[in-house]
Amino acid sequence: MPGRIRAIRGATVVEADTPEAISERVQEMVSQILERNNLDPDQVISAIFTATDDLVSVFPATVARKSLLPEVPLLCARELAIAGSMPRCIRVMMHVELESTSSEIQHVYLHEASNLRDDPRD
C-alpha cells in the first residue's frame, strides 16, 4: 500500500556565502531529513529550496541534486527579504511519500535555524 504525500520542512544557516559552506550545510540538512524520517531518496517526490538574498554563490538545489537527490525534481527560489529575518538561511520543503502520520514527521532545523521553531517537536 503506497504512503500518503507529506511535506517535511528543514532549514539551516551557513557561516559564509561560499560554495563549500553552502554545500556542507545543504548536504547535512537533506541527509538529516532522510535519516530522521527513515526515507529512501526514491520516496522523495520533489523539493523546493529557498535562500536569503545574501546567498548567491551556488544553488542549494544543485548541491542536493549532485550529492543526494539526483533523480528528484528540485527548485530554488528566493526567501522573502523581511526586515529582521535570519541572514544566510536556506530552507527546504520536501514532498515525500510516507506511511507516517503528520505528527510523526521530523522536521529538521539546524544550527542557528533552530531558533525558527517555536515548538518542541524538533
C-alpha atoms as a PDB file:
ATOM      1  CA  MET A   1       0.000   0.000   0.000  1.00  0.00           C
ATOM      2  CA  PRO A   2       1.546   3.349  -1.001  1.00  0.00           C
ATOM      3  CA  GLY A   3       2.116   6.022   1.619  1.00  0.00           C
ATOM      4  CA  ARG A   4       0.484   9.416   1.781  1.00  0.00           C
ATOM      5  CA  ILE A   5       2.060  12.527   0.374  1.00  0.00           C
ATOM      6  CA  ARG A   6       3.567  14.563   3.205  1.00  0.00           C
ATOM      7  CA  ALA A   7       5.673  17.723   3.373  1.00  0.00           C
ATOM      8  CA  ILE A   8       8.797  17.904   5.501  1.00  0.00           C
ATOM      9  CA  ARG A   9      10.402  21.228   6.327  1.00  0.00           C
ATOM     10  CA  GLY A  10      14.014  21.986   7.018  1.00  0.00           C
ATOM     11  CA  ALA A  11      16.266  24.982   7.488  1.00  0.00           C
ATOM     12  CA  THR A  12      19.896  25.722   8.131  1.00  0.00           C
ATOM     13  CA  VAL A  13      22.185  28.727   8.288  1.00  0.00           C
ATOM     14  CA  VAL A  14      25.597  28.988   6.646  1.00  0.00           C
ATOM     15  CA  GLU A  15      28.563  30.847   8.073  1.00  0.00           C
ATOM     16  CA  ALA A  16      29.651  32.302   4.728  1.00  0.00           C
ATOM     17  CA  ASP A  17      28.414  32.623   1.163  1.00  0.00           C
ATOM     18  CA  THR A  18      30.804  30.113  -0.376  1.00  0.00           C
ATOM     19  CA  PRO A  19      30.040  27.025  -2.463  1.00  0.00           C
ATOM     20  CA  GLU A  20      31.812  24.897   0.149  1.00  0.00           C
ATOM     21  CA  ALA A  21      29.851  26.267   3.126  1.00  0.00           C
ATOM     22  CA  ILE A  22      26.525  26.011   1.316  1.00  0.00           C
ATOM     23  CA  SER A  23      27.295  22.503   0.049  1.00  0.00           C
ATOM     24  CA  GLU A  24      28.205  21.279   3.523  1.00  0.00           C
ATOM     25  CA  ARG A  25      25.042  22.646   5.152  1.00  0.00           C
ATOM     26  CA  VAL A  26      22.636  21.592   2.371  1.00  0.00           C
ATOM     27  CA  GLN A  27      24.018  18.047   2.398  1.00  0.00           C
ATOM     28  CA  GLU A  28      23.765  17.943   6.184  1.00  0.00           C
ATOM     29  CA  MET A  29      20.158  19.215   6.163  1.00  0.00           C
ATOM     30  CA  VAL A  30      18.947  16.859   3.424  1.00  0.00           C
ATOM     31  CA  SER A  31      20.782  13.891   4.980  1.00  0.00           C
ATOM     32  CA  GLN A  32      19.196  14.625   8.364  1.00  0.00           C
ATOM     33  CA  ILE A  33      15.716  14.850   6.842  1.00  0.00           C
ATOM     34  CA  LEU A  34      16.189  11.493   5.116  1.00  0.00           C
ATOM     35  CA  GLU A  35      17.721   9.845   8.192  1.00  0.00           C
ATOM     36  CA  ARG A  36      15.321  11.172  10.858  1.00  0.00           C
ATOM     37  CA  ASN A  37      12.302  10.217   8.756  1.00  0.00           C
ATOM     38  CA  ASN A  38      13.705   6.849   7.639  1.00  0.00           C
ATOM     39  CA  LEU A  39      13.376   7.875   3.991  1.00  0.00           C
ATOM     40  CA  ASP A  40      14.930   6.472   0.866  1.00  0.00           C
ATOM     41  CA  PRO A  41      15.568   9.096  -1.851  1.00  0.00           C
ATOM     42  CA  ASP A  42      13.066   7.196  -4.042  1.00  0.00           C
ATOM     43  CA  GLN A  43      10.314   8.316  -1.636  1.00  0.00           C
ATOM     44  CA  VAL A  44      11.077  11.983  -2.318  1.00  0.00           C
ATOM     45  CA  ILE A  45       8.642  13.389  -4.876  1.00  0.00           C
ATOM     46  CA  SER A  46      10.070  16.907  -5.151  1.00  0.00           C
ATOM     47  CA  ALA A  47      11.739  19.631  -3.101  1.00  0.00           C
ATOM     48  CA  ILE A  48      11.672  23.403  -3.079  1.00  0.00           C
ATOM     49  CA  PHE A  49      14.703  25.216  -1.658  1.00  0.00           C
ATOM     50  CA  THR A  50      14.761  28.883  -0.716  1.00  0.00           C
ATOM     51  CA  ALA A  51      17.757  31.029   0.125  1.00  0.00           C
ATOM     52  CA  THR A  52      18.059  34.533   1.509  1.00  0.00           C
ATOM     53  CA  ASP A  53      19.308  37.348  -0.734  1.00  0.00           C
ATOM     54  CA  ASP A  54      22.795  37.224   0.805  1.00  0.00           C
ATOM     55  CA  LEU A  55      23.473  33.728  -0.622  1.00  0.00           C
ATOM     56  CA  VAL A  56      24.489  33.849  -4.280  1.00  0.00           C
ATOM     57  CA  SER A  57      27.475  31.516  -4.751  1.00  0.00           C
ATOM     58  CA  VAL A  58      25.633  28.257  -5.567  1.00  0.00           C
ATOM     59  CA  PHE A  59      22.077  26.977  -5.961  1.00  0.00           C
ATOM     60  CA  PRO A  60      21.088  24.789  -2.973  1.00  0.00           C
ATOM     61  CA  ALA A  61      19.116  22.541  -5.358  1.00  0.00           C
ATOM     62  CA  THR A  62      22.245  21.950  -7.435  1.00  0.00           C
ATOM     63  CA  VAL A  63      24.054  20.724  -4.329  1.00  0.00           C
ATOM     64  CA  ALA A  64      21.201  18.368  -3.426  1.00  0.00           C
ATOM     65  CA  ARG A  65      20.919  17.066  -6.983  1.00  0.00           C
ATOM     66  CA  LYS A  66      24.638  16.325  -7.284  1.00  0.00           C
ATOM     67  CA  SER A  67      25.026  14.776  -3.857  1.00  0.00           C
ATOM     68  CA  LEU A  68      21.838  13.144  -2.550  1.00  0.00           C
ATOM     69  CA  LEU A  69      18.782  13.523  -4.793  1.00  0.00           C
ATOM     70  CA  PRO A  70      19.902  13.030  -8.411  1.00  0.00           C
ATOM     71  CA  GLU A  71      16.519  11.815  -9.712  1.00  0.00           C
ATOM     72  CA  VAL A  72      14.247  14.211  -7.801  1.00  0.00           C
ATOM     73  CA  PRO A  73      12.712  17.350  -9.354  1.00  0.00           C
ATOM     74  CA  LEU A  74      14.158  20.293  -7.406  1.00  0.00           C
ATOM     75  CA  LEU A  75      13.532  24.021  -7.485  1.00  0.00           C
ATOM     76  CA  CYS A  76      15.229  27.069  -5.977  1.00  0.00           C
ATOM     77  CA  ALA A  77      13.544  30.337  -5.025  1.00  0.00           C
ATOM     78  CA  ARG A  78      14.345  33.473  -3.053  1.00  0.00           C
ATOM     79  CA  GLU A  79      13.251  33.809   0.540  1.00  0.00           C
ATOM     80  CA  LEU A  80      11.271  36.990   1.197  1.00  0.00           C
ATOM     81  CA  ALA A  81      13.515  39.822   2.347  1.00  0.00           C
ATOM     82  CA  ILE A  82      11.629  40.732   5.518  1.00  0.00           C
ATOM     83  CA  ALA A  83      13.238  43.202   7.926  1.00  0.00           C
ATOM     84  CA  GLY A  84      14.797  41.343  10.838  1.00  0.00           C
ATOM     85  CA  SER A  85      14.728  37.922   9.163  1.00  0.00           C
ATOM     86  CA  MET A  86      17.541  35.429   9.676  1.00  0.00           C
ATOM     87  CA  PRO A  87      20.522  36.039   7.353  1.00  0.00           C
ATOM     88  CA  ARG A  88      22.335  33.341   5.323  1.00  0.00           C
ATOM     89  CA  CYS A  89      19.386  30.976   5.701  1.00  0.00           C
ATOM     90  CA  ILE A  90      18.484  28.065   3.428  1.00  0.00           C
ATOM     91  CA  ARG A  91      15.109  26.371   3.768  1.00  0.00           C
ATOM     92  CA  VAL A  92      13.576  23.343   2.122  1.00  0.00           C
ATOM     93  CA  MET A  93      10.108  21.886   1.767  1.00  0.00           C
ATOM     94  CA  MET A  94      10.420  18.286   0.695  1.00  0.00           C
ATOM     95  CA  HIS A  95       7.374  16.418  -0.628  1.00  0.00           C
ATOM     96  CA  VAL A  96       7.571  12.721   0.171  1.00  0.00           C
ATOM     97  CA  GLU A  97       5.551   9.535   0.050  1.00  0.00           C
ATOM     98  CA  LEU A  98       5.410   8.348   3.635  1.00  0.00           C
ATOM     99  CA  GLU A  99       3.416   5.997   5.858  1.00  0.00           C
ATOM    100  CA  SER A 100       3.993   8.184   8.944  1.00  0.00           C
ATOM    101  CA  THR A 101       1.310  10.482  10.257  1.00  0.00           C
ATOM    102  CA  SER A 102       1.845  14.226  10.186  1.00  0.00           C
ATOM    103  CA  SER A 103       2.609  14.231  13.913  1.00  0.00           C
ATOM    104  CA  GLU A 104       5.393  11.637  13.414  1.00  0.00           C
ATOM    105  CA  ILE A 105       7.286  13.671  10.828  1.00  0.00           C
ATOM    106  CA  GLN A 106      10.631  15.010  11.982  1.00  0.00           C
ATOM    107  CA  HIS A 107      11.266  18.486  10.593  1.00  0.00           C
ATOM    108  CA  VAL A 108      14.932  19.476  10.664  1.00  0.00           C
ATOM    109  CA  TYR A 109      16.169  22.879  11.829  1.00  0.00           C
ATOM    110  CA  LEU A 110      19.942  23.015  12.182  1.00  0.00           C
ATOM    111  CA  HIS A 111      22.421  25.474  13.671  1.00  0.00           C
ATOM    112  CA  GLU A 112      21.007  28.994  14.143  1.00  0.00           C
ATOM    113  CA  ALA A 113      17.891  27.975  12.180  1.00  0.00           C
ATOM    114  CA  SER A 114      16.749  26.036  15.237  1.00  0.00           C
ATOM    115  CA  ASN A 115      15.546  29.432  16.510  1.00  0.00           C
ATOM    116  CA  LEU A 116      12.917  29.448  13.746  1.00  0.00           C
ATOM    117  CA  ARG A 117      10.854  26.797  15.541  1.00  0.00           C
ATOM    118  CA  ASP A 118       8.574  27.783  18.376  1.00  0.00           C
ATOM    119  CA  ASP A 119       7.507  24.264  19.260  1.00  0.00           C
ATOM    120  CA  PRO A 120       9.480  21.410  20.878  1.00  0.00           C
ATOM    121  CA  ARG A 121       8.980  18.891  18.028  1.00  0.00           C
ATOM    122  CA  ASP A 122      12.495  19.114  16.607  1.00  0.00           C
END
